Amino acid sequence: MYLIVGLGNPSREYAGTRHNVGFEVVNILADRFDIATDYIKHKAICGKGMIEGNKVMLAMPQTFMNLSGDSVGELVSYYRIDVASELIVVYDDVALEPGRIRIRKSGSAGGHNGMKNIISRLGTEEFMRVRVGVGEKPKGYDLADYVLGHFSKDERELMDIAFIDAANAVVSIMNDGIDAAMNRFNTSKKENDESI
């Protein structure tokens, strides 16, 4: 079974913020594949179902971002998830321009507190992730204020496409394998547009 975790902060005030892109992508997957995310277990809103023949658990930790590892650690332990081959984490990345998707097999947290906590809790960096670009913070901005801020109208249009791309990336990882998914999605937007 794949455990697909979208990172974000609970409560309405954080809905639609840059830090909540993981929740947005999980909600797209839930809607597209008719998976009800309607119960809380292991400190996360969860839903079990099938995605194109793959058994999945969708999860949105409700611990607040900095303690995401508490929820992910419990889910991994309870469902006996093989972290390297069955865990996929979706989250925001300020190092990528808005709308860019980057798939990785492993790696550091890159300054992302939710990822830091997950890596600390799991004791490994060896798990798959889909990073969704939200752009660098403007000069003089506080990083926390920036990631907890909302997208502009133009950014939002770009991000709505990115969320669909990220959902497609998750499906591709499961169906085609991570190397094929990386080859497909780890290109610039311009390259993607030219290949259509």
N, C-alpha and C. Protein backbone atom coordinates (compact mmCIF):
# COMPACT_ATOMS: atom_id res chain seq x y z
N MET A 1 0.84 -1.20 0.00
CA MET A 1 0.00 0.00 0.00
C MET A 1 0.87 1.25 0.00
N TYR A 2 0.51 2.22 -0.82
CA TYR A 2 1.20 3.50 -0.82
C TYR A 2 0.58 4.43 0.21
N LEU A 3 1.42 5.13 0.94
CA LEU A 3 0.98 6.18 1.85
C LEU A 3 1.33 7.51 1.20
N ILE A 4 0.30 8.26 0.81
CA ILE A 4 0.49 9.56 0.15
C ILE A 4 0.13 10.64 1.16
N VAL A 5 1.13 11.40 1.56
CA VAL A 5 0.96 12.41 2.60
C VAL A 5 1.09 13.80 1.98
N GLY A 6 0.08 14.62 2.16
CA GLY A 6 0.15 16.02 1.76
C GLY A 6 0.35 16.87 3.00
N LEU A 7 1.35 17.73 2.98
CA LEU A 7 1.65 18.55 4.16
C LEU A 7 0.90 19.88 4.12
N GLY A 8 0.56 20.36 5.30
CA GLY A 8 -0.13 21.64 5.45
C GLY A 8 -0.44 21.90 6.90
N ASN A 9 -1.17 22.96 7.14
CA ASN A 9 -1.61 23.32 8.49
C ASN A 9 -3.13 23.18 8.58
N PRO A 10 -3.64 22.62 9.68
CA PRO A 10 -5.09 22.50 9.83
C PRO A 10 -5.73 23.85 10.14
N SER A 11 -7.01 23.89 10.05
CA SER A 11 -7.89 25.04 10.34
C SER A 11 -8.05 25.94 9.12
N ARG A 12 -9.23 26.57 9.09
CA ARG A 12 -9.64 27.36 7.92
C ARG A 12 -8.71 28.51 7.59
N GLU A 13 -8.10 29.10 8.63
CA GLU A 13 -7.29 30.29 8.38
C GLU A 13 -6.09 30.01 7.47
N TYR A 14 -5.66 28.74 7.40
CA TYR A 14 -4.50 28.38 6.58
C TYR A 14 -4.88 27.82 5.22
N ALA A 15 -6.16 27.64 4.96
CA ALA A 15 -6.61 27.09 3.68
C ALA A 15 -6.17 28.01 2.55
N GLY A 16 -5.60 27.43 1.51
CA GLY A 16 -5.19 28.21 0.35
C GLY A 16 -3.87 28.93 0.49
N THR A 17 -3.14 28.71 1.59
CA THR A 17 -1.83 29.36 1.75
C THR A 17 -0.75 28.54 1.05
N ARG A 18 0.40 29.17 0.88
CA ARG A 18 1.51 28.49 0.19
C ARG A 18 1.93 27.21 0.91
N HIS A 19 1.88 27.24 2.23
CA HIS A 19 2.31 26.08 3.02
C HIS A 19 1.34 24.89 2.91
N ASN A 20 0.16 25.13 2.35
CA ASN A 20 -0.86 24.08 2.33
C ASN A 20 -1.02 23.41 0.97
N VAL A 21 -0.01 23.52 0.12
CA VAL A 21 -0.16 22.92 -1.21
C VAL A 21 -0.29 21.40 -1.15
N GLY A 22 0.33 20.79 -0.15
CA GLY A 22 0.20 19.32 -0.01
C GLY A 22 -1.24 18.89 0.19
N PHE A 23 -1.97 19.65 1.01
CA PHE A 23 -3.39 19.35 1.22
C PHE A 23 -4.17 19.47 -0.09
N GLU A 24 -3.85 20.51 -0.87
CA GLU A 24 -4.56 20.74 -2.13
C GLU A 24 -4.38 19.57 -3.08
N VAL A 25 -3.16 19.05 -3.16
CA VAL A 25 -2.88 17.94 -4.08
C VAL A 25 -3.58 16.66 -3.61
N VAL A 26 -3.56 16.39 -2.32
CA VAL A 26 -4.26 15.22 -1.79
C VAL A 26 -5.76 15.33 -2.05
N ASN A 27 -6.31 16.53 -1.89
CA ASN A 27 -7.75 16.70 -2.16
C ASN A 27 -8.09 16.45 -3.63
N ILE A 28 -7.20 16.84 -4.54
CA ILE A 28 -7.42 16.55 -5.96
C ILE A 28 -7.43 15.05 -6.19
N LEU A 29 -6.48 14.34 -5.60
CA LEU A 29 -6.44 12.87 -5.74
C LEU A 29 -7.70 12.23 -5.17
N ALA A 30 -8.13 12.72 -4.01
CA ALA A 30 -9.34 12.18 -3.36
C ALA A 30 -10.56 12.38 -4.25
N ASP A 31 -10.69 13.58 -4.82
CA ASP A 31 -11.84 13.88 -5.69
C ASP A 31 -11.79 13.05 -6.97
N ARG A 32 -10.61 13.01 -7.59
CA ARG A 32 -10.48 12.34 -8.88
C ARG A 32 -10.75 10.83 -8.78
N PHE A 33 -10.30 10.23 -7.67
CA PHE A 33 -10.43 8.78 -7.54
C PHE A 33 -11.49 8.36 -6.53
N ASP A 34 -12.35 9.31 -6.17
CA ASP A 34 -13.50 9.02 -5.32
C ASP A 34 -13.10 8.34 -4.00
N ILE A 35 -12.09 8.93 -3.35
CA ILE A 35 -11.63 8.42 -2.06
C ILE A 35 -12.12 9.38 -0.97
N ALA A 36 -12.94 8.89 -0.08
CA ALA A 36 -13.48 9.73 0.99
C ALA A 36 -12.41 9.95 2.07
N THR A 37 -12.01 11.19 2.26
CA THR A 37 -11.08 11.53 3.35
C THR A 37 -11.94 12.07 4.48
N ASP A 38 -12.52 11.13 5.23
CA ASP A 38 -13.57 11.52 6.17
C ASP A 38 -13.38 11.01 7.60
N TYR A 39 -12.15 10.62 7.92
CA TYR A 39 -11.92 10.22 9.32
C TYR A 39 -10.52 10.62 9.75
N ILE A 40 -10.38 10.80 11.05
CA ILE A 40 -9.07 11.16 11.61
C ILE A 40 -8.48 9.95 12.32
N LYS A 41 -7.27 9.62 11.92
CA LYS A 41 -6.54 8.51 12.53
C LYS A 41 -5.06 8.87 12.51
N HIS A 42 -4.35 8.54 13.58
CA HIS A 42 -2.92 8.84 13.67
C HIS A 42 -2.64 10.32 13.40
N LYS A 43 -3.48 11.18 13.99
CA LYS A 43 -3.30 12.64 13.91
C LYS A 43 -3.37 13.17 12.49
N ALA A 44 -4.13 12.50 11.63
CA ALA A 44 -4.26 12.95 10.24
C ALA A 44 -5.68 12.70 9.75
N ILE A 45 -6.14 13.55 8.83
CA ILE A 45 -7.35 13.25 8.08
C ILE A 45 -6.95 12.22 7.03
N CYS A 46 -7.66 11.10 7.02
CA CYS A 46 -7.26 9.97 6.19
C CYS A 46 -8.37 9.49 5.26
N GLY A 47 -7.96 8.78 4.24
CA GLY A 47 -8.90 8.11 3.36
C GLY A 47 -8.20 6.96 2.67
N LYS A 48 -8.85 5.81 2.62
CA LYS A 48 -8.28 4.63 1.96
C LYS A 48 -9.02 4.37 0.67
N GLY A 49 -8.29 3.95 -0.35
CA GLY A 49 -8.95 3.64 -1.61
C GLY A 49 -7.98 3.08 -2.63
N MET A 50 -8.40 3.15 -3.88
CA MET A 50 -7.59 2.63 -4.99
C MET A 50 -7.33 3.75 -5.99
N ILE A 51 -6.11 3.80 -6.49
CA ILE A 51 -5.75 4.71 -7.57
C ILE A 51 -5.14 3.88 -8.69
N GLU A 52 -5.92 3.70 -9.74
CA GLU A 52 -5.47 2.95 -10.93
C GLU A 52 -4.82 1.62 -10.54
N GLY A 53 -5.53 0.88 -9.70
CA GLY A 53 -5.06 -0.45 -9.30
C GLY A 53 -4.11 -0.48 -8.13
N ASN A 54 -3.71 0.68 -7.63
CA ASN A 54 -2.81 0.76 -6.48
C ASN A 54 -3.59 1.06 -5.21
N LYS A 55 -3.39 0.23 -4.19
CA LYS A 55 -4.02 0.48 -2.90
C LYS A 55 -3.31 1.66 -2.23
N VAL A 56 -4.09 2.65 -1.78
CA VAL A 56 -3.48 3.85 -1.21
C VAL A 56 -4.16 4.27 0.09
N MET A 57 -3.38 4.97 0.90
CA MET A 57 -3.88 5.70 2.05
C MET A 57 -3.49 7.15 1.81
N LEU A 58 -4.50 8.03 1.74
CA LEU A 58 -4.25 9.46 1.64
C LEU A 58 -4.27 10.04 3.05
N ALA A 59 -3.34 10.94 3.34
CA ALA A 59 -3.27 11.50 4.69
C ALA A 59 -2.88 12.96 4.66
N MET A 60 -3.56 13.75 5.50
CA MET A 60 -3.24 15.17 5.69
C MET A 60 -3.04 15.39 7.19
N PRO A 61 -1.79 15.41 7.66
CA PRO A 61 -1.53 15.56 9.09
C PRO A 61 -2.19 16.81 9.67
N GLN A 62 -2.75 16.65 10.88
CA GLN A 62 -3.45 17.74 11.57
C GLN A 62 -2.64 18.24 12.77
N THR A 63 -1.34 18.04 12.72
CA THR A 63 -0.46 18.36 13.85
C THR A 63 0.14 19.75 13.77
N PHE A 64 -0.16 20.49 12.72
CA PHE A 64 0.56 21.69 12.31
C PHE A 64 1.90 21.26 11.71
N MET A 65 2.35 22.06 10.77
CA MET A 65 3.46 21.68 9.89
C MET A 65 4.70 21.18 10.64
N ASN A 66 5.11 21.92 11.67
CA ASN A 66 6.38 21.61 12.33
C ASN A 66 6.40 20.27 13.05
N LEU A 67 5.23 19.66 13.25
CA LEU A 67 5.15 18.35 13.91
C LEU A 67 4.57 17.28 12.99
N SER A 68 4.70 17.49 11.68
CA SER A 68 4.16 16.53 10.70
C SER A 68 4.69 15.11 10.91
N GLY A 69 5.92 15.00 11.39
CA GLY A 69 6.54 13.69 11.60
C GLY A 69 5.81 12.85 12.63
N ASP A 70 5.14 13.49 13.59
CA ASP A 70 4.39 12.73 14.60
C ASP A 70 3.31 11.88 13.93
N SER A 71 2.60 12.49 13.00
CA SER A 71 1.54 11.79 12.28
C SER A 71 2.11 10.78 11.29
N VAL A 72 3.09 11.21 10.49
CA VAL A 72 3.67 10.33 9.48
C VAL A 72 4.33 9.11 10.13
N GLY A 73 5.03 9.33 11.24
CA GLY A 73 5.66 8.22 11.95
C GLY A 73 4.66 7.18 12.42
N GLU A 74 3.53 7.66 12.96
CA GLU A 74 2.49 6.73 13.42
C GLU A 74 1.88 5.96 12.25
N LEU A 75 1.60 6.65 11.15
CA LEU A 75 1.01 6.00 9.99
C LEU A 75 1.95 4.94 9.41
N VAL A 76 3.22 5.30 9.28
CA VAL A 76 4.22 4.37 8.75
C VAL A 76 4.32 3.13 9.62
N SER A 77 4.35 3.34 10.92
CA SER A 77 4.47 2.22 11.86
C SER A 77 3.22 1.33 11.85
N TYR A 78 2.05 1.94 11.92
CA TYR A 78 0.80 1.19 12.01
C TYR A 78 0.54 0.37 10.75
N TYR A 79 0.77 0.97 9.60
CA TYR A 79 0.47 0.28 8.33
C TYR A 79 1.67 -0.47 7.76
N ARG A 80 2.78 -0.47 8.50
CA ARG A 80 4.01 -1.16 8.09
C ARG A 80 4.43 -0.75 6.68
N ILE A 81 4.48 0.54 6.49
CA ILE A 81 4.86 1.12 5.20
C ILE A 81 6.37 0.99 5.00
N ASP A 82 6.77 0.49 3.83
CA ASP A 82 8.18 0.51 3.46
C ASP A 82 8.50 1.94 3.01
N VAL A 83 9.23 2.66 3.84
CA VAL A 83 9.42 4.09 3.64
C VAL A 83 10.04 4.40 2.28
N ALA A 84 11.03 3.63 1.86
CA ALA A 84 11.74 3.93 0.62
C ALA A 84 10.88 3.71 -0.63
N SER A 85 9.95 2.76 -0.58
CA SER A 85 9.21 2.41 -1.80
C SER A 85 7.71 2.68 -1.75
N GLU A 86 7.17 3.02 -0.56
CA GLU A 86 5.71 3.16 -0.45
C GLU A 86 5.25 4.51 0.13
N LEU A 87 6.16 5.35 0.57
CA LEU A 87 5.80 6.66 1.12
C LEU A 87 6.08 7.74 0.09
N ILE A 88 5.06 8.58 -0.17
CA ILE A 88 5.22 9.74 -1.06
C ILE A 88 4.72 10.96 -0.29
N VAL A 89 5.58 11.97 -0.12
CA VAL A 89 5.21 13.18 0.60
C VAL A 89 5.15 14.35 -0.39
N VAL A 90 4.05 15.10 -0.34
CA VAL A 90 3.85 16.25 -1.23
C VAL A 90 3.89 17.52 -0.39
N TYR A 91 4.70 18.50 -0.80
CA TYR A 91 4.84 19.71 0.01
C TYR A 91 5.32 20.89 -0.82
N ASP A 92 5.23 22.07 -0.22
CA ASP A 92 5.63 23.32 -0.88
C ASP A 92 7.14 23.50 -0.83
N ASP A 93 7.66 24.20 -1.84
CA ASP A 93 9.10 24.46 -1.88
C ASP A 93 9.36 25.89 -2.37
N VAL A 94 9.98 26.69 -1.51
CA VAL A 94 10.27 28.09 -1.88
C VAL A 94 11.47 28.19 -2.82
N ALA A 95 12.21 27.10 -2.98
CA ALA A 95 13.38 27.12 -3.87
C ALA A 95 12.99 26.91 -5.34
N LEU A 96 11.74 26.56 -5.59
CA LEU A 96 11.26 26.36 -6.96
C LEU A 96 10.30 27.47 -7.33
N GLU A 97 10.37 27.90 -8.58
CA GLU A 97 9.45 28.95 -9.03
C GLU A 97 8.02 28.45 -8.99
N PRO A 98 7.05 29.34 -8.82
CA PRO A 98 5.65 28.91 -8.74
C PRO A 98 5.25 28.07 -9.95
N GLY A 99 4.62 26.94 -9.66
CA GLY A 99 4.13 26.07 -10.72
C GLY A 99 5.08 24.95 -11.11
N ARG A 100 6.34 25.02 -10.69
CA ARG A 100 7.30 23.96 -11.02
C ARG A 100 7.09 22.76 -10.10
N ILE A 101 7.27 21.57 -10.64
CA ILE A 101 7.16 20.33 -9.89
C ILE A 101 8.54 19.67 -9.90
N ARG A 102 8.94 19.13 -8.78
CA ARG A 102 10.22 18.41 -8.72
C ARG A 102 10.02 17.14 -7.90
N ILE A 103 10.28 16.00 -8.52
CA ILE A 103 10.18 14.70 -7.83
C ILE A 103 11.59 14.30 -7.39
N ARG A 104 11.69 13.77 -6.20
CA ARG A 104 12.97 13.27 -5.68
C ARG A 104 12.77 11.92 -4.98
N LYS A 105 13.79 11.07 -5.07
CA LYS A 105 13.76 9.78 -4.38
C LYS A 105 14.11 9.93 -2.92
N SER A 106 14.92 10.94 -2.61
CA SER A 106 15.40 11.15 -1.24
C SER A 106 16.03 12.53 -1.18
N GLY A 107 16.55 12.89 -0.02
CA GLY A 107 17.24 14.17 0.09
C GLY A 107 16.97 14.85 1.42
N SER A 108 17.65 15.98 1.59
CA SER A 108 17.52 16.72 2.84
C SER A 108 16.19 17.46 2.89
N ALA A 109 15.92 18.08 4.01
CA ALA A 109 14.68 18.84 4.19
C ALA A 109 14.71 20.16 3.44
N GLY A 110 15.91 20.63 3.09
CA GLY A 110 16.03 21.89 2.37
C GLY A 110 15.43 23.07 3.12
N GLY A 111 15.48 23.05 4.44
CA GLY A 111 14.96 24.16 5.23
C GLY A 111 13.47 24.10 5.51
N HIS A 112 12.81 23.05 5.03
CA HIS A 112 11.36 22.92 5.25
C HIS A 112 11.11 22.23 6.59
N ASN A 113 10.46 22.94 7.52
CA ASN A 113 10.32 22.41 8.88
C ASN A 113 9.48 21.15 8.97
N GLY A 114 8.45 21.04 8.14
CA GLY A 114 7.65 19.81 8.13
C GLY A 114 8.49 18.62 7.72
N MET A 115 9.31 18.80 6.67
CA MET A 115 10.17 17.72 6.20
C MET A 115 11.26 17.40 7.22
N LYS A 116 11.79 18.43 7.86
CA LYS A 116 12.80 18.19 8.92
C LYS A 116 12.25 17.27 9.98
N ASN A 117 11.01 17.54 10.40
CA ASN A 117 10.39 16.77 11.46
C ASN A 117 10.10 15.33 11.01
N ILE A 118 9.69 15.16 9.76
CA ILE A 118 9.44 13.81 9.23
C ILE A 118 10.74 13.02 9.17
N ILE A 119 11.79 13.64 8.63
CA ILE A 119 13.09 12.96 8.53
C ILE A 119 13.60 12.58 9.92
N SER A 120 13.44 13.49 10.88
CA SER A 120 13.87 13.22 12.25
C SER A 120 13.09 12.05 12.84
N ARG A 121 11.79 12.04 12.63
CA ARG A 121 10.94 10.99 13.20
C ARG A 121 11.19 9.63 12.54
N LEU A 122 11.36 9.62 11.22
CA LEU A 122 11.57 8.35 10.51
C LEU A 122 13.02 7.87 10.61
N GLY A 123 13.93 8.80 10.88
CA GLY A 123 15.35 8.43 10.97
C GLY A 123 15.98 8.16 9.62
N THR A 124 15.38 8.68 8.54
CA THR A 124 15.93 8.49 7.21
C THR A 124 15.45 9.59 6.27
N GLU A 125 16.28 9.88 5.26
CA GLU A 125 15.89 10.80 4.19
C GLU A 125 15.46 10.04 2.94
N GLU A 126 15.49 8.71 3.04
CA GLU A 126 15.25 7.86 1.86
C GLU A 126 13.76 7.60 1.67
N PHE A 127 13.05 8.62 1.23
CA PHE A 127 11.65 8.43 0.85
C PHE A 127 11.31 9.41 -0.27
N MET A 128 10.31 9.04 -1.07
CA MET A 128 9.96 9.81 -2.26
C MET A 128 9.19 11.07 -1.86
N ARG A 129 9.41 12.11 -2.67
CA ARG A 129 8.68 13.34 -2.41
C ARG A 129 8.39 14.06 -3.71
N VAL A 130 7.27 14.80 -3.69
CA VAL A 130 6.90 15.66 -4.81
C VAL A 130 6.88 17.08 -4.26
N ARG A 131 7.82 17.89 -4.73
CA ARG A 131 7.94 19.27 -4.29
C ARG A 131 7.19 20.17 -5.27
N VAL A 132 6.38 21.06 -4.73
CA VAL A 132 5.59 21.97 -5.55
C VAL A 132 6.10 23.39 -5.31
N GLY A 133 6.61 24.01 -6.37
CA GLY A 133 7.20 25.34 -6.24
C GLY A 133 6.19 26.41 -5.89
N VAL A 134 6.53 27.24 -4.90
CA VAL A 134 5.69 28.39 -4.54
C VAL A 134 6.46 29.71 -4.69
N GLY A 135 7.71 29.61 -5.12
CA GLY A 135 8.51 30.80 -5.36
C GLY A 135 9.23 31.31 -4.13
N GLU A 136 10.32 32.02 -4.39
CA GLU A 136 11.12 32.59 -3.30
C GLU A 136 10.38 33.74 -2.63
N LYS A 137 10.64 33.90 -1.35
CA LYS A 137 10.03 35.04 -0.64
C LYS A 137 10.66 36.33 -1.15
N PRO A 138 9.85 37.37 -1.27
CA PRO A 138 10.40 38.66 -1.69
C PRO A 138 11.39 39.19 -0.64
N LYS A 139 12.30 40.02 -1.10
CA LYS A 139 13.31 40.60 -0.20
C LYS A 139 12.61 41.37 0.92
N GLY A 140 13.08 41.15 2.14
CA GLY A 140 12.52 41.86 3.28
C GLY A 140 11.35 41.16 3.95
N TYR A 141 10.82 40.13 3.28
CA TYR A 141 9.70 39.37 3.86
C TYR A 141 10.21 38.38 4.89
N ASP A 142 9.42 38.13 5.91
CA ASP A 142 9.70 37.05 6.84
C ASP A 142 9.23 35.75 6.18
N LEU A 143 10.08 34.70 6.25
CA LEU A 143 9.75 33.44 5.57
C LEU A 143 8.44 32.85 6.08
N ALA A 144 8.24 32.86 7.39
CA ALA A 144 7.00 32.30 7.96
C ALA A 144 5.78 33.05 7.44
N ASP A 145 5.87 34.39 7.40
CA ASP A 145 4.75 35.18 6.88
C ASP A 145 4.49 34.85 5.41
N TYR A 146 5.57 34.64 4.67
CA TYR A 146 5.44 34.37 3.23
C TYR A 146 4.73 33.03 2.98
N VAL A 147 5.21 31.96 3.64
CA VAL A 147 4.61 30.64 3.37
C VAL A 147 3.21 30.52 3.95
N LEU A 148 2.89 31.36 4.93
CA LEU A 148 1.53 31.35 5.48
C LEU A 148 0.63 32.37 4.78
N GLY A 149 1.16 33.00 3.74
CA GLY A 149 0.39 33.95 2.96
C GLY A 149 -0.34 33.26 1.82
N HIS A 150 -1.26 34.00 1.21
CA HIS A 150 -2.06 33.47 0.10
C HIS A 150 -1.45 33.86 -1.25
N PHE A 151 -1.78 33.09 -2.26
CA PHE A 151 -1.31 33.38 -3.61
C PHE A 151 -2.05 34.58 -4.19
N SER A 152 -1.36 35.32 -5.05
CA SER A 152 -2.04 36.36 -5.81
C SER A 152 -2.96 35.69 -6.83
N LYS A 153 -3.81 36.47 -7.46
CA LYS A 153 -4.75 35.90 -8.45
C LYS A 153 -3.98 35.20 -9.58
N ASP A 154 -2.94 35.86 -10.10
CA ASP A 154 -2.15 35.26 -11.19
C ASP A 154 -1.43 34.00 -10.72
N GLU A 155 -0.85 34.06 -9.51
CA GLU A 155 -0.17 32.88 -8.96
C GLU A 155 -1.16 31.74 -8.78
N ARG A 156 -2.35 32.07 -8.31
CA ARG A 156 -3.35 31.04 -8.03
C ARG A 156 -3.71 30.27 -9.31
N GLU A 157 -3.84 30.97 -10.41
CA GLU A 157 -4.14 30.30 -11.68
C GLU A 157 -3.02 29.34 -12.06
N LEU A 158 -1.79 29.78 -11.86
CA LEU A 158 -0.61 28.94 -12.13
C LEU A 158 -0.58 27.74 -11.19
N MET A 159 -0.89 27.98 -9.90
CA MET A 159 -0.83 26.91 -8.91
C MET A 159 -1.93 25.87 -9.12
N ASP A 160 -3.09 26.30 -9.56
CA ASP A 160 -4.16 25.33 -9.83
C ASP A 160 -3.71 24.30 -10.86
N ILE A 161 -2.94 24.75 -11.84
CA ILE A 161 -2.38 23.82 -12.84
C ILE A 161 -1.31 22.96 -12.18
N ALA A 162 -0.48 23.59 -11.34
CA ALA A 162 0.60 22.85 -10.65
C ALA A 162 0.05 21.74 -9.76
N PHE A 163 -1.08 22.01 -9.09
CA PHE A 163 -1.66 20.98 -8.21
C PHE A 163 -2.09 19.76 -9.03
N ILE A 164 -2.64 20.00 -10.21
CA ILE A 164 -3.02 18.90 -11.08
C ILE A 164 -1.77 18.15 -11.56
N ASP A 165 -0.72 18.92 -11.93
CA ASP A 165 0.55 18.30 -12.33
C ASP A 165 1.12 17.43 -11.20
N ALA A 166 1.06 17.94 -9.98
CA ALA A 166 1.60 17.20 -8.83
C ALA A 166 0.80 15.94 -8.57
N ALA A 167 -0.52 16.02 -8.70
CA ALA A 167 -1.37 14.83 -8.55
C ALA A 167 -1.02 13.81 -9.63
N ASN A 168 -0.83 14.29 -10.86
CA ASN A 168 -0.43 13.40 -11.95
C ASN A 168 0.94 12.77 -11.68
N ALA A 169 1.83 13.55 -11.06
CA ALA A 169 3.17 13.05 -10.73
C ALA A 169 3.08 11.90 -9.72
N VAL A 170 2.21 12.05 -8.73
CA VAL A 170 2.03 10.98 -7.73
C VAL A 170 1.53 9.70 -8.40
N VAL A 171 0.55 9.84 -9.29
CA VAL A 171 0.01 8.68 -10.01
C VAL A 171 1.10 8.05 -10.87
N SER A 172 1.89 8.87 -11.53
CA SER A 172 2.98 8.38 -12.38
C SER A 172 4.02 7.61 -11.57
N ILE A 173 4.35 8.10 -10.38
CA ILE A 173 5.32 7.39 -9.52
C ILE A 173 4.83 5.97 -9.25
N MET A 174 3.54 5.85 -8.94
CA MET A 174 2.98 4.53 -8.61
C MET A 174 2.88 3.62 -9.84
N ASN A 175 2.49 4.19 -10.97
CA ASN A 175 2.26 3.38 -12.16
C ASN A 175 3.51 3.10 -12.98
N ASP A 176 4.38 4.10 -13.09
CA ASP A 176 5.52 4.01 -14.01
C ASP A 176 6.85 3.83 -13.31
N GLY A 177 6.87 4.04 -11.98
CA GLY A 177 8.13 4.01 -11.25
C GLY A 177 8.70 5.42 -11.13
N ILE A 178 9.49 5.64 -10.11
CA ILE A 178 9.95 7.00 -9.82
C ILE A 178 10.91 7.54 -10.88
N ASP A 179 11.74 6.69 -11.46
CA ASP A 179 12.68 7.18 -12.48
C ASP A 179 11.94 7.73 -13.69
N ALA A 180 10.95 6.99 -14.17
CA ALA A 180 10.15 7.46 -15.31
C ALA A 180 9.39 8.73 -14.96
N ALA A 181 8.84 8.78 -13.73
CA ALA A 181 8.11 9.97 -13.29
C ALA A 181 9.04 11.18 -13.22
N MET A 182 10.26 10.98 -12.72
CA MET A 182 11.23 12.08 -12.65
C MET A 182 11.57 12.58 -14.06
N ASN A 183 11.76 11.66 -14.99
CA ASN A 183 12.07 12.05 -16.37
C ASN A 183 10.93 12.87 -16.98
N ARG A 184 9.72 12.52 -16.62
CA ARG A 184 8.56 13.19 -17.19
C ARG A 184 8.30 14.57 -16.56
N PHE A 185 8.44 14.67 -15.25
CA PHE A 185 8.00 15.89 -14.54
C PHE A 185 9.12 16.84 -14.14
N ASN A 186 10.36 16.36 -14.07
CA ASN A 186 11.45 17.22 -13.60
C ASN A 186 12.06 18.04 -14.75
N THR A 187 11.20 18.71 -15.51
CA THR A 187 11.65 19.56 -16.58
C THR A 187 11.08 20.95 -16.33
N SER A 188 11.59 21.92 -17.04
CA SER A 188 11.05 23.27 -16.87
C SER A 188 9.68 23.37 -17.52
N LYS A 189 8.91 24.35 -17.11
CA LYS A 189 7.59 24.57 -17.69
C LYS A 189 7.72 24.78 -19.21
N LYS A 190 8.75 25.52 -19.62
CA LYS A 190 8.96 25.82 -21.04
C LYS A 190 9.16 24.52 -21.82
N GLU A 191 10.01 23.63 -21.27
CA GLU A 191 10.25 22.34 -21.93
C GLU A 191 8.96 21.54 -22.02
N ASN A 192 8.18 21.55 -20.93
CA ASN A 192 6.89 20.83 -20.94
C ASN A 192 5.97 21.38 -22.00
N ASP A 193 5.91 22.72 -22.10
CA ASP A 193 5.01 23.35 -23.07
C ASP A 193 5.42 22.98 -24.50
N GLU A 194 6.73 22.92 -24.74
CA GLU A 194 7.22 22.61 -26.08
C GLU A 194 6.97 21.15 -26.47
N SER A 195 6.83 20.28 -25.45
CA SER A 195 6.66 18.85 -25.75
C SER A 195 5.19 18.47 -25.98
N ILE A 196 4.29 19.43 -25.80
CA ILE A 196 2.86 19.13 -25.95
C ILE A 196 2.50 19.02 -27.42
